[in-house]
C-alpha atoms as a PDB file:
ATOM      1  CA  MET A   1     -65.217 -10.605   6.847  1.00  0.00           C
ATOM      2  CA  ASP A   2     -68.150 -12.615   8.139  1.00  0.00           C
ATOM      3  CA  ILE A   3     -70.936 -14.091   5.952  1.00  0.00           C
ATOM      4  CA  PRO A   4     -73.283 -11.052   6.092  1.00  0.00           C
ATOM      5  CA  ALA A   5     -70.455  -8.674   5.299  1.00  0.00           C
ATOM      6  CA  ILE A   6     -69.241 -10.795   2.380  1.00  0.00           C
ATOM      7  CA  THR A   7     -72.787 -11.053   1.033  1.00  0.00           C
ATOM      8  CA  VAL A   8     -73.337  -7.268   1.196  1.00  0.00           C
ATOM      9  CA  ARG A   9     -69.946  -6.533  -0.388  1.00  0.00           C
ATOM     10  CA  LEU A  10     -70.505  -9.167  -3.097  1.00  0.00           C
ATOM     11  CA  ARG A  11     -73.967  -7.926  -3.912  1.00  0.00           C
ATOM     12  CA  SER A  12     -72.580  -4.409  -4.448  1.00  0.00           C
ATOM     13  CA  LEU A  13     -69.896  -5.742  -6.781  1.00  0.00           C
ATOM     14  CA  LEU A  14     -72.218  -8.029  -8.751  1.00  0.00           C
ATOM     15  CA  THR A  15     -74.997  -5.542  -9.347  1.00  0.00           C
ATOM     16  CA  GLY A  16     -73.124  -2.237  -9.564  1.00  0.00           C
ATOM     17  CA  PRO A  17     -73.363  -0.328 -12.847  1.00  0.00           C
ATOM     18  CA  LEU A  18     -69.611  -0.211 -13.397  1.00  0.00           C
ATOM     19  CA  GLY A  19     -67.712  -3.322 -14.384  1.00  0.00           C
ATOM     20  CA  GLY A  20     -64.522  -4.308 -16.022  1.00  0.00           C
ATOM     21  CA  GLN A  21     -61.390  -6.086 -15.059  1.00  0.00           C
ATOM     22  CA  SER A  22     -60.996  -4.326 -11.715  1.00  0.00           C
ATOM     23  CA  VAL A  23     -64.392  -5.527 -10.472  1.00  0.00           C
ATOM     24  CA  GLN A  24     -63.650  -9.126 -11.504  1.00  0.00           C
ATOM     25  CA  GLN A  25     -60.312  -8.928  -9.757  1.00  0.00           C
ATOM     26  CA  VAL A  26     -61.923  -7.817  -6.497  1.00  0.00           C
ATOM     27  CA  ILE A  27     -64.509 -10.599  -6.768  1.00  0.00           C
ATOM     28  CA  ARG A  28     -61.756 -13.188  -7.197  1.00  0.00           C
ATOM     29  CA  GLU A  29     -59.837 -11.733  -4.235  1.00  0.00           C
ATOM     30  CA  ILE A  30     -62.945 -12.219  -2.084  1.00  0.00           C
ATOM     31  CA  ALA A  31     -63.305 -15.789  -3.359  1.00  0.00           C
ATOM     32  CA  ALA A  32     -59.672 -16.874  -2.874  1.00  0.00           C
ATOM     33  CA  PRO A  33     -59.484 -17.301   0.904  1.00  0.00           C
ATOM     34  CA  ASP A  34     -62.562 -19.556   1.195  1.00  0.00           C
ATOM     35  CA  PRO A  35     -64.180 -20.599  -2.101  1.00  0.00           C
ATOM     36  CA  ALA A  36     -66.853 -22.686  -0.380  1.00  0.00           C
ATOM     37  CA  LEU A  37     -67.974 -19.698   1.748  1.00  0.00           C
ATOM     38  CA  PHE A  38     -67.798 -17.470  -1.333  1.00  0.00           C
ATOM     39  CA  PHE A  39     -70.058 -19.889  -3.214  1.00  0.00           C
ATOM     40  CA  GLU A  40     -72.685 -19.799  -0.461  1.00  0.00           C
ATOM     41  CA  CYS A  41     -72.636 -16.039  -0.352  1.00  0.00           C
ATOM     42  CA  GLY A  42     -72.867 -15.810  -4.129  1.00  0.00           C
ATOM     43  CA  MET A  43     -75.872 -18.136  -4.153  1.00  0.00           C
ATOM     44  CA  SER A  44     -77.505 -15.972  -1.459  1.00  0.00           C
ATOM     45  CA  VAL A  45     -77.039 -12.871  -3.574  1.00  0.00           C
ATOM     46  CA  LEU A  46     -78.601 -14.540  -6.599  1.00  0.00           C
ATOM     47  CA  GLN A  47     -81.610 -15.609  -4.538  1.00  0.00           C
ATOM     48  CA  LEU A  48     -82.130 -12.091  -3.225  1.00  0.00           C
ATOM     49  CA  LEU A  49     -82.094 -10.340  -6.608  1.00  0.00           C
ATOM     50  CA  ARG A  50     -85.366  -9.360  -8.236  1.00  0.00           C
ATOM     51  CA  GLU A  51     -84.689  -6.652 -10.812  1.00  0.00           C
ATOM     52  CA  SER A  52     -83.935  -8.204 -14.178  1.00  0.00           C
ATOM     53  CA  SER A  53     -81.056  -6.081 -15.458  1.00  0.00           C
ATOM     54  CA  ALA A  54     -79.203  -6.239 -12.095  1.00  0.00           C
ATOM     55  CA  LYS A  55     -79.864  -9.950 -11.919  1.00  0.00           C
ATOM     56  CA  ALA A  56     -78.497 -10.618 -15.396  1.00  0.00           C
ATOM     57  CA  ARG A  57     -75.404  -8.535 -14.568  1.00  0.00           C
ATOM     58  CA  ALA A  58     -74.847 -10.417 -11.312  1.00  0.00           C
ATOM     59  CA  TYR A  59     -75.061 -13.840 -13.024  1.00  0.00           C
ATOM     60  CA  SER A  60     -72.599 -12.793 -15.710  1.00  0.00           C
ATOM     61  CA  ARG A  61     -70.055 -11.458 -13.230  1.00  0.00           C
ATOM     62  CA  LEU A  62     -70.365 -14.393 -10.854  1.00  0.00           C
ATOM     63  CA  PHE A  63     -70.077 -16.956 -13.627  1.00  0.00           C
ATOM     64  CA  ASP A  64     -66.957 -15.199 -14.833  1.00  0.00           C
ATOM     65  CA  CYS A  65     -65.322 -16.234 -11.551  1.00  0.00           C
ATOM     66  CA  PRO A  66     -63.774 -19.707 -11.908  1.00  0.00           C
ATOM     67  CA  GLU A  67     -63.728 -20.212  -8.153  1.00  0.00           C
ATOM     68  CA  PHE A  68     -67.533 -20.058  -8.106  1.00  0.00           C
ATOM     69  CA  LEU A  69     -67.920 -22.485 -10.971  1.00  0.00           C
ATOM     70  CA  ARG A  70     -65.443 -24.942  -9.503  1.00  0.00           C
ATOM     71  CA  GLU A  71     -67.490 -25.083  -6.327  1.00  0.00           C
ATOM     72  CA  LEU A  72     -70.371 -26.516  -8.316  1.00  0.00           C
ATOM     73  CA  PHE A  73     -68.410 -29.723  -8.632  1.00  0.00           C
ATOM     74  CA  ARG A  74     -67.332 -29.986  -5.031  1.00  0.00           C
ATOM     75  CA  PRO A  75     -68.118 -33.590  -3.914  1.00  0.00           C
ATOM     76  CA  GLY A  76     -71.327 -33.738  -1.900  1.00  0.00           C
ATOM     77  CA  ARG A  77     -72.664 -30.372  -2.959  1.00  0.00           C
ATOM     78  CA  TYR A  78     -75.015 -31.571  -5.738  1.00  0.00           C
ATOM     79  CA  ASP A  79     -75.932 -34.963  -7.032  1.00  0.00           C
ATOM     80  CA  ASP A  80     -75.669 -35.476 -10.782  1.00  0.00           C
ATOM     81  CA  VAL A  81     -79.335 -34.724 -11.526  1.00  0.00           C
ATOM     82  CA  ALA A  82     -79.450 -31.577  -9.377  1.00  0.00           C
ATOM     83  CA  LEU A  83     -76.187 -30.285 -10.870  1.00  0.00           C
ATOM     84  CA  ARG A  84     -77.393 -30.866 -14.407  1.00  0.00           C
ATOM     85  CA  ASP A  85     -80.749 -29.211 -13.705  1.00  0.00           C
ATOM     86  CA  GLN A  86     -79.140 -26.221 -12.014  1.00  0.00           C
ATOM     87  CA  CYS A  87     -76.816 -25.616 -14.950  1.00  0.00           C
ATOM     88  CA  ALA A  88     -79.657 -26.067 -17.413  1.00  0.00           C
ATOM     89  CA  VAL A  89     -81.499 -23.213 -15.705  1.00  0.00           C
ATOM     90  CA  TRP A  90     -78.420 -21.040 -15.562  1.00  0.00           C
ATOM     91  CA  ILE A  91     -77.457 -21.417 -19.207  1.00  0.00           C
ATOM     92  CA  ARG A  92     -80.822 -19.909 -20.147  1.00  0.00           C
ATOM     93  CA  ILE A  93     -79.793 -16.813 -18.176  1.00  0.00           C
ATOM     94  CA  ASP A  94     -76.155 -16.734 -19.350  1.00  0.00           C
ATOM     95  CA  GLY A  95     -75.761 -18.210 -22.813  1.00  0.00           C
ATOM     96  CA  PHE A  96     -71.979 -18.498 -22.399  1.00  0.00           C
ATOM     97  CA  LEU A  97     -72.087 -20.614 -19.245  1.00  0.00           C
ATOM     98  CA  ASP A  98     -71.041 -23.709 -21.190  1.00  0.00           C
ATOM     99  CA  VAL A  99     -67.964 -21.974 -22.522  1.00  0.00           C
ATOM    100  CA  ARG A 100     -67.075 -20.683 -19.043  1.00  0.00           C
ATOM    101  CA  LEU A 101     -67.438 -24.185 -17.635  1.00  0.00           C
ATOM    102  CA  ALA A 102     -65.466 -25.772 -20.467  1.00  0.00           C
ATOM    103  CA  ARG A 103     -62.511 -23.508 -19.590  1.00  0.00           C
ATOM    104  CA  LEU A 104     -62.288 -25.269 -16.230  1.00  0.00           C
ATOM    105  CA  ALA A 105     -61.195 -28.463 -17.991  1.00  0.00           C
ATOM    106  CA  PRO A 106     -57.507 -29.162 -18.581  1.00  0.00           C
ATOM    107  CA  GLY A 107     -56.177 -27.256 -21.583  1.00  0.00           C
ATOM    108  CA  ARG A 108     -53.943 -28.613 -24.301  1.00  0.00           C
ATOM    109  CA  HIS A 109     -50.787 -27.331 -22.644  1.00  0.00           C
ATOM    110  CA  GLU A 110     -51.820 -26.300 -19.148  1.00  0.00           C
ATOM    111  CA  ASN A 111     -54.296 -26.974 -16.380  1.00  0.00           C
ATOM    112  CA  PRO A 112     -55.001 -23.567 -14.788  1.00  0.00           C
ATOM    113  CA  PHE A 113     -57.921 -24.780 -12.633  1.00  0.00           C
ATOM    114  CA  PRO A 114     -56.881 -28.330 -11.656  1.00  0.00           C
ATOM    115  CA  LEU A 115     -59.920 -30.471 -11.006  1.00  0.00           C
ATOM    116  CA  PRO A 116     -59.571 -34.145 -10.077  1.00  0.00           C
ATOM    117  CA  PRO A 117     -60.278 -36.436 -13.038  1.00  0.00           C
ATOM    118  CA  GLU A 118     -63.577 -37.576 -11.601  1.00  0.00           C
ATOM    119  CA  GLN A 119     -64.779 -33.950 -11.435  1.00  0.00           C
ATOM    120  CA  VAL A 120     -63.557 -33.283 -14.967  1.00  0.00           C
ATOM    121  CA  ALA A 121     -65.557 -36.276 -16.232  1.00  0.00           C
ATOM    122  CA  ARG A 122     -68.607 -34.948 -14.346  1.00  0.00           C
ATOM    123  CA  LEU A 123     -68.038 -31.512 -15.852  1.00  0.00           C
ATOM    124  CA  LEU A 124     -67.994 -33.033 -19.346  1.00  0.00           C
ATOM    125  CA  ARG A 125     -71.248 -34.903 -18.678  1.00  0.00           C
ATOM    126  CA  VAL A 126     -72.908 -31.684 -17.591  1.00  0.00           C
ATOM    127  CA  LEU A 127     -71.656 -29.888 -20.675  1.00  0.00           C
ATOM    128  CA  HIS A 128     -72.932 -32.703 -22.870  1.00  0.00           C
ATOM    129  CA  SER A 129     -76.324 -32.193 -21.274  1.00  0.00           C
ATOM    130  CA  ILE A 130     -76.674 -28.393 -21.429  1.00  0.00           C
ATOM    131  CA  SER A 131     -74.616 -27.302 -24.427  1.00  0.00           C
ATOM    132  CA  THR A 132     -75.874 -27.630 -27.992  1.00  0.00           C
ATOM    133  CA  GLY A 133     -73.978 -27.154 -31.222  1.00  0.00           C
ATOM    134  CA  PRO A 134     -70.264 -27.520 -31.985  1.00  0.00           C
ATOM    135  CA  ARG A 135     -68.741 -24.561 -30.190  1.00  0.00           C
ATOM    136  CA  LEU A 136     -67.087 -26.631 -27.426  1.00  0.00           C
ATOM    137  CA  ILE A 137     -65.314 -29.003 -29.839  1.00  0.00           C
ATOM    138  CA  LEU A 138     -62.129 -26.975 -30.214  1.00  0.00           C
ATOM    139  CA  ILE A 139     -61.939 -26.413 -26.440  1.00  0.00           C
ATOM    140  CA  LEU A 140     -62.472 -30.064 -25.441  1.00  0.00           C
ATOM    141  CA  ASN A 141     -61.500 -32.321 -28.356  1.00  0.00           C
ATOM    142  CA  HIS A 142     -58.042 -33.029 -26.961  1.00  0.00           C
ATOM    143  CA  LEU A 143     -59.535 -34.594 -23.840  1.00  0.00           C
ATOM    144  CA  LYS A 144     -60.457 -37.712 -25.743  1.00  0.00           C
ATOM    145  CA  HIS A 145     -56.761 -38.615 -25.314  1.00  0.00           C
ATOM    146  CA  HIS A 146     -56.763 -37.889 -21.576  1.00  0.00           C
ATOM    147  CA  PRO A 147     -54.945 -40.570 -19.506  1.00  0.00           C
ATOM    148  CA  ASN A 148     -57.949 -40.962 -17.244  1.00  0.00           C
ATOM    149  CA  ILE A 149     -60.436 -43.258 -18.951  1.00  0.00           C
ATOM    150  CA  LEU A 150     -63.497 -41.581 -17.431  1.00  0.00           C
ATOM    151  CA  VAL A 151     -62.414 -38.223 -18.824  1.00  0.00           C
ATOM    152  CA  ALA A 152     -61.483 -39.688 -22.231  1.00  0.00           C
ATOM    153  CA  GLU A 153     -64.817 -41.549 -22.422  1.00  0.00           C
ATOM    154  CA  SER A 154     -66.893 -38.485 -21.526  1.00  0.00           C
ATOM    155  CA  ALA A 155     -64.985 -36.299 -23.992  1.00  0.00           C
ATOM    156  CA  THR A 156     -65.399 -38.848 -26.764  1.00  0.00           C
ATOM    157  CA  VAL A 157     -69.175 -38.902 -26.258  1.00  0.00           C
ATOM    158  CA  LEU A 158     -69.454 -35.137 -26.132  1.00  0.00           C
ATOM    159  CA  VAL A 159     -67.345 -34.474 -29.206  1.00  0.00           C
ATOM    160  CA  GLY A 160     -68.592 -37.454 -31.188  1.00  0.00           C
ATOM    161  CA  ARG A 161     -72.247 -36.557 -30.739  1.00  0.00           C
ATOM    162  CA  ARG A 162     -71.516 -33.103 -32.133  1.00  0.00           C
ATOM    163  CA  ILE A 163     -69.278 -34.103 -35.032  1.00  0.00           C
ATOM    164  CA  ARG A 164     -71.170 -37.272 -36.123  1.00  0.00           C
ATOM    165  CA  ASN A 165     -68.496 -37.933 -38.700  1.00  0.00           C
ATOM    166  CA  LEU A 166     -67.405 -41.442 -39.699  1.00  0.00           C
ATOM    167  CA  ASN A 167     -63.840 -40.298 -40.376  1.00  0.00           C
ATOM    168  CA  TRP A 168     -63.641 -39.093 -36.737  1.00  0.00           C
ATOM    169  CA  VAL A 169     -65.399 -42.138 -35.270  1.00  0.00           C
ATOM    170  CA  LYS A 170     -63.420 -44.898 -36.995  1.00  0.00           C
ATOM    171  CA  PRO A 171     -60.082 -44.216 -35.308  1.00  0.00           C
ATOM    172  CA  GLN A 172     -61.805 -44.278 -31.932  1.00  0.00           C
ATOM    173  CA  LEU A 173     -63.262 -47.686 -32.761  1.00  0.00           C
ATOM    174  CA  SER A 174     -59.720 -49.077 -33.093  1.00  0.00           C
ATOM    175  CA  SER A 175     -59.103 -48.321 -29.408  1.00  0.00           C
ATOM    176  CA  THR A 176     -58.242 -51.273 -27.176  1.00  0.00           C
ATOM    177  CA  GLU A 177     -60.298 -49.629 -24.412  1.00  0.00           C
ATOM    178  CA  PRO A 178     -63.947 -50.751 -24.592  1.00  0.00           C
ATOM    179  CA  ARG A 179     -65.224 -47.587 -22.992  1.00  0.00           C
ATOM    180  CA  ILE A 180     -63.760 -45.506 -25.816  1.00  0.00           C
ATOM    181  CA  ARG A 181     -65.278 -47.754 -28.457  1.00  0.00           C
ATOM    182  CA  ALA A 182     -68.653 -47.590 -26.691  1.00  0.00           C
ATOM    183  CA  ALA A 183     -68.455 -43.821 -26.510  1.00  0.00           C
ATOM    184  CA  ALA A 184     -67.501 -43.569 -30.192  1.00  0.00           C
ATOM    185  CA  VAL A 185     -70.504 -45.723 -31.106  1.00  0.00           C
ATOM    186  CA  GLU A 186     -72.735 -43.361 -29.171  1.00  0.00           C
ATOM    187  CA  GLY A 187     -71.291 -40.566 -31.264  1.00  0.00           C
ATOM    188  CA  LEU A 188     -73.092 -42.054 -34.237  1.00  0.00           C
ATOM    189  CA  TRP A 189     -76.548 -41.978 -32.664  1.00  0.00           C
ATOM    190  CA  GLY A 190     -78.864 -39.921 -34.825  1.00  0.00           C
ATOM    191  CA  CYS A 191     -76.480 -39.961 -37.808  1.00  0.00           C
ATOM    192  CA  GLU A 192     -79.039 -41.615 -40.088  1.00  0.00           C
ATOM    193  CA  THR A 193     -76.887 -42.280 -43.127  1.00  0.00           C
ATOM    194  CA  PRO A 194     -76.443 -45.687 -44.773  1.00  0.00           C
ATOM    195  CA  SER A 195     -72.721 -45.714 -43.963  1.00  0.00           C
ATOM    196  CA  ALA A 196     -73.308 -44.871 -40.275  1.00  0.00           C
ATOM    197  CA  MET A 197     -75.949 -47.558 -39.942  1.00  0.00           C
ATOM    198  CA  ALA A 198     -73.636 -50.071 -41.653  1.00  0.00           C
ATOM    199  CA  LEU A 199     -70.907 -49.275 -39.181  1.00  0.00           C
ATOM    200  CA  LEU A 200     -73.300 -49.672 -36.238  1.00  0.00           C
ATOM    201  CA  ARG A 201     -74.284 -53.086 -37.572  1.00  0.00           C
ATOM    202  CA  GLN A 202     -70.615 -54.068 -37.528  1.00  0.00           C
ATOM    203  CA  CYS A 203     -70.211 -52.767 -33.985  1.00  0.00           C
ATOM    204  CA  ARG A 204     -73.117 -54.857 -32.667  1.00  0.00           C
ATOM    205  CA  ASN A 205     -70.735 -57.811 -33.044  1.00  0.00           C
ATOM    206  CA  ASP A 206     -68.044 -56.160 -30.896  1.00  0.00           C
ATOM    207  CA  GLU A 207     -66.456 -58.407 -28.260  1.00  0.00           C
ATOM    208  CA  ASN A 208     -67.504 -55.992 -25.550  1.00  0.00           C
ATOM    209  CA  SER A 209     -71.140 -55.907 -24.363  1.00  0.00           C
ATOM    210  CA  ARG A 210     -71.161 -52.132 -23.816  1.00  0.00           C
ATOM    211  CA  VAL A 211     -70.169 -51.481 -27.394  1.00  0.00           C
ATOM    212  CA  ALA A 212     -72.685 -53.967 -28.761  1.00  0.00           C
ATOM    213  CA  ALA A 213     -75.534 -52.561 -26.642  1.00  0.00           C
ATOM    214  CA  ASN A 214     -74.757 -48.980 -27.714  1.00  0.00           C
ATOM    215  CA  ALA A 215     -74.720 -50.079 -31.347  1.00  0.00           C
ATOM    216  CA  LEU A 216     -78.107 -51.787 -31.013  1.00  0.00           C
ATOM    217  CA  LEU A 217     -79.592 -48.733 -29.245  1.00  0.00           C
ATOM    218  CA  GLY A 218     -78.379 -46.518 -32.093  1.00  0.00           C
ATOM    219  CA  LEU A 219     -79.855 -48.840 -34.693  1.00  0.00           C
ATOM    220  CA  TYR A 220     -83.170 -49.118 -32.829  1.00  0.00           C
ATOM    221  CA  PHE A 221     -83.650 -45.368 -32.595  1.00  0.00           C
ATOM    222  CA  MET A 222     -82.540 -44.911 -36.181  1.00  0.00           C
ATOM    223  CA  GLY A 223     -85.316 -47.254 -37.279  1.00  0.00           C
ATOM    224  CA  ASP A 224     -83.433 -50.437 -38.160  1.00  0.00           C
ATOM    225  CA  ALA A 225     -86.118 -53.106 -38.500  1.00  0.00           C
ATOM    226  CA  ASN A 226     -83.818 -55.855 -37.148  1.00  0.00           C
ATOM    227  CA  ALA A 227     -82.538 -54.037 -34.066  1.00  0.00           C
ATOM    228  CA  GLY A 228     -85.304 -55.228 -31.769  1.00  0.00           C
ATOM    229  CA  GLN A 229     -84.773 -58.874 -32.707  1.00  0.00           C
ATOM    230  CA  TRP A 230     -81.052 -58.583 -32.268  1.00  0.00           C
ATOM    231  CA  LEU A 231     -81.541 -57.081 -28.854  1.00  0.00           C
ATOM    232  CA  SER A 232     -83.794 -59.982 -27.825  1.00  0.00           C
ATOM    233  CA  GLU A 233     -81.165 -62.413 -29.041  1.00  0.00           C
ATOM    234  CA  MET A 234     -78.518 -60.579 -27.096  1.00  0.00           C
ATOM    235  CA  ALA A 235     -80.631 -60.965 -23.957  1.00  0.00           C
ATOM    236  CA  ARG A 236     -80.294 -64.739 -24.431  1.00  0.00           C
ATOM    237  CA  ASP A 237     -76.529 -64.704 -25.058  1.00  0.00           C
ATOM    238  CA  GLU A 238     -74.465 -67.256 -23.205  1.00  0.00           C
ATOM    239  CA  ARG A 239     -72.283 -64.489 -21.787  1.00  0.00           C
ATOM    240  CA  PRO A 240     -73.735 -62.809 -18.647  1.00  0.00           C
ATOM    241  CA  SER A 241     -72.268 -59.399 -19.494  1.00  0.00           C
ATOM    242  CA  PHE A 242     -74.105 -59.408 -22.832  1.00  0.00           C
ATOM    243  CA  ARG A 243     -77.375 -60.433 -21.208  1.00  0.00           C
ATOM    244  CA  ARG A 244     -76.997 -57.687 -18.633  1.00  0.00           C
ATOM    245  CA  SER A 245     -76.232 -55.048 -21.267  1.00  0.00           C
ATOM    246  CA  ALA A 246     -79.177 -56.117 -23.426  1.00  0.00           C
ATOM    247  CA  VAL A 247     -81.549 -55.888 -20.464  1.00  0.00           C
ATOM    248  CA  TRP A 248     -80.169 -52.487 -19.570  1.00  0.00           C
ATOM    249  CA  ALA A 249     -80.765 -51.334 -23.182  1.00  0.00           C
ATOM    250  CA  MET A 250     -84.350 -52.542 -23.019  1.00  0.00           C
ATOM    251  CA  GLY A 251     -84.871 -50.351 -19.975  1.00  0.00           C
ATOM    252  CA  GLN A 252     -83.406 -47.367 -21.818  1.00  0.00           C
ATOM    253  CA  ILE A 253     -85.790 -47.907 -24.704  1.00  0.00           C
ATOM    254  CA  CYS A 254     -88.539 -47.947 -22.073  1.00  0.00           C
ATOM    255  CA  ASP A 255     -91.039 -49.945 -24.086  1.00  0.00           C
ATOM    256  CA  LYS A 256     -93.378 -52.579 -22.643  1.00  0.00           C
ATOM    257  CA  THR A 257     -92.612 -54.657 -25.736  1.00  0.00           C
ATOM    258  CA  TRP A 258     -89.730 -56.107 -23.715  1.00  0.00           C
ATOM    259  CA  ALA A 259     -91.899 -57.407 -20.867  1.00  0.00           C
ATOM    260  CA  ASN A 260     -91.450 -61.098 -21.750  1.00  0.00           C
ATOM    261  CA  ASP A 261     -87.669 -60.763 -22.164  1.00  0.00           C
ATOM    262  CA  LEU A 262     -87.373 -58.954 -18.846  1.00  0.00           C
ATOM    263  CA  GLN A 263     -89.481 -61.519 -17.064  1.00  0.00           C
ATOM    264  CA  VAL A 264     -87.064 -64.209 -18.234  1.00  0.00           C
ATOM    265  CA  ALA A 265     -84.116 -62.094 -17.169  1.00  0.00           C
ATOM    266  CA  LEU A 266     -85.605 -61.712 -13.659  1.00  0.00           C
ATOM    267  CA  HIS A 267     -84.915 -65.432 -13.227  1.00  0.00           C
ATOM    268  CA  ASP A 268     -81.451 -65.412 -14.769  1.00  0.00           C
ATOM    269  CA  SER A 269     -78.747 -67.508 -13.121  1.00  0.00           C
ATOM    270  CA  GLU A 270     -76.568 -64.384 -12.729  1.00  0.00           C
ATOM    271  CA  GLY A 271     -77.384 -61.805 -10.065  1.00  0.00           C
ATOM    272  CA  GLU A 272     -76.181 -58.876 -12.155  1.00  0.00           C
ATOM    273  CA  VAL A 273     -78.613 -59.764 -14.932  1.00  0.00           C
ATOM    274  CA  ARG A 274     -81.502 -60.114 -12.455  1.00  0.00           C
ATOM    275  CA  LEU A 275     -80.645 -56.714 -10.951  1.00  0.00           C
ATOM    276  CA  ALA A 276     -80.491 -55.079 -14.400  1.00  0.00           C
ATOM    277  CA  ALA A 277     -83.875 -56.605 -15.275  1.00  0.00           C
ATOM    278  CA  LYS A 278     -85.422 -55.314 -12.050  1.00  0.00           C
ATOM    279  CA  GLN A 279     -84.073 -51.805 -12.735  1.00  0.00           C
ATOM    280  CA  ALA A 280     -85.293 -51.896 -16.296  1.00  0.00           C
ATOM    281  CA  MET A 281     -88.784 -52.944 -15.278  1.00  0.00           C
ATOM    282  CA  THR A 282     -88.880 -50.185 -12.667  1.00  0.00           C
ATOM    283  CA  VAL A 283     -88.017 -47.614 -15.310  1.00  0.00           C
ATOM    284  CA  ILE A 284     -90.668 -48.909 -17.672  1.00  0.00           C
ATOM    285  CA  ARG A 285     -93.350 -48.962 -14.971  1.00  0.00           C
ATOM    286  CA  LYS A 286     -92.577 -45.350 -14.035  1.00  0.00           C
ATOM    287  CA  ALA A 287     -92.732 -44.167 -17.653  1.00  0.00           C
ATOM    288  CA  PRO A 288     -95.737 -41.893 -18.366  1.00  0.00           C
ATOM    289  CA  ALA A 289     -98.751 -43.805 -19.689  1.00  0.00           C
ATOM    290  CA  GLU A 290     -98.949 -41.888 -22.912  1.00  0.00           C
ATOM    291  CA  GLU A 291     -98.284 -42.338 -26.576  1.00  0.00           C
ATOM    292  CA  THR A 292     -94.890 -43.858 -27.281  1.00  0.00           C
ATOM    293  CA  PRO A 293     -92.479 -41.046 -28.275  1.00  0.00           C
ATOM    294  CA  ASP A 294     -91.083 -41.033 -31.775  1.00  0.00           C
ATOM    295  CA  ASN A 295     -87.458 -41.773 -32.533  1.00  0.00           C
ATOM    296  CA  GLU A 296     -86.279 -38.208 -32.425  1.00  0.00           C
ATOM    297  CA  GLN A 297     -87.741 -37.690 -28.954  1.00  0.00           C
ATOM    298  CA  ARG A 298     -86.147 -40.918 -27.757  1.00  0.00           C
ATOM    299  CA  THR A 299     -82.787 -39.896 -29.177  1.00  0.00           C
ATOM    300  CA  PHE A 300     -83.142 -36.550 -27.355  1.00  0.00           C
ATOM    301  CA  HIS A 301     -83.618 -38.451 -24.114  1.00  0.00           C
ATOM    302  CA  PHE A 302     -80.359 -40.321 -24.510  1.00  0.00           C
ATOM    303  CA  ARG A 303     -78.506 -37.222 -25.534  1.00  0.00           C
ATOM    304  CA  PHE A 304     -79.164 -35.689 -22.114  1.00  0.00           C
ATOM    305  CA  ASP A 305     -78.891 -38.682 -19.866  1.00  0.00           C
ATOM    306  CA  GLY A 306     -75.310 -39.749 -19.348  1.00  0.00           C
ATOM    307  CA  SER A 307     -75.883 -41.822 -16.239  1.00  0.00           C
ATOM    308  CA  PHE A 308     -75.979 -45.182 -18.019  1.00  0.00           C
ATOM    309  CA  ARG A 309     -72.228 -45.155 -18.608  1.00  0.00           C
ATOM    310  CA  THR A 310     -71.687 -45.657 -14.879  1.00  0.00           C
ATOM    311  CA  ARG A 311     -74.193 -48.537 -14.586  1.00  0.00           C
ATOM    312  CA  LEU A 312     -72.875 -50.982 -17.178  1.00  0.00           C
END
């Protein structure tokens, strides 16, 4: 079938009053020969729909097709921001979209919809952004042991931020892989208990700059009075990676308080520190000129912006 014929056939299947396993089977049979073409036709159908009940039915049936969801992660189709924003819109239409997406990830004993590790990590970052509550923990918790470090890191962040449990975090902090320790530290953000803050204070002395910066960010947004000073001291550390990570953290906080520190970093002897300072100052300048958000709002920002893990 050509594109118009597929679109017409698909619209009939997606919006028809009758459903069930037979309809889903036909939809998947249409998708199988050319998933990319199927995705384009499916998107065309969604854009054409106006009537609310038919539209809701179409979304549900289309999202129940793994071939359609896998196409979301095809390299070059969406950048990270566009993909996150698209899924954020869709989950308001279909409240089970996060569960459907999570089932694309490798299972405990099988991988029915094999995505490359880079796409799995991207999938986890999207889920971390759009899904609230603990319902994905049982589906995805095993991925923190995935052999690919990007997948393991993303899974550790997603699960840790939902569990926020010291007994879960501490074993991750014993990992020899800095990315896993940094992700585990992020899992404590917002867990404003004395024991969690004490653990973050220990982690600020980690030998890895990513871990230390994440610990200081957590402390800062949890209201630790010393976190700002520690971050300034880290920006003057003799190790370039620590200076770079401190400058990056200042940009994430997005507060003009750090102007003097960033000006110093702009003239650092290391190019990577100068670049991080320039990026941080750009972020701060673009920030809305309004009242500084409170800690909870700032924490919310970090919860839904996973891009920093690829910049450190």
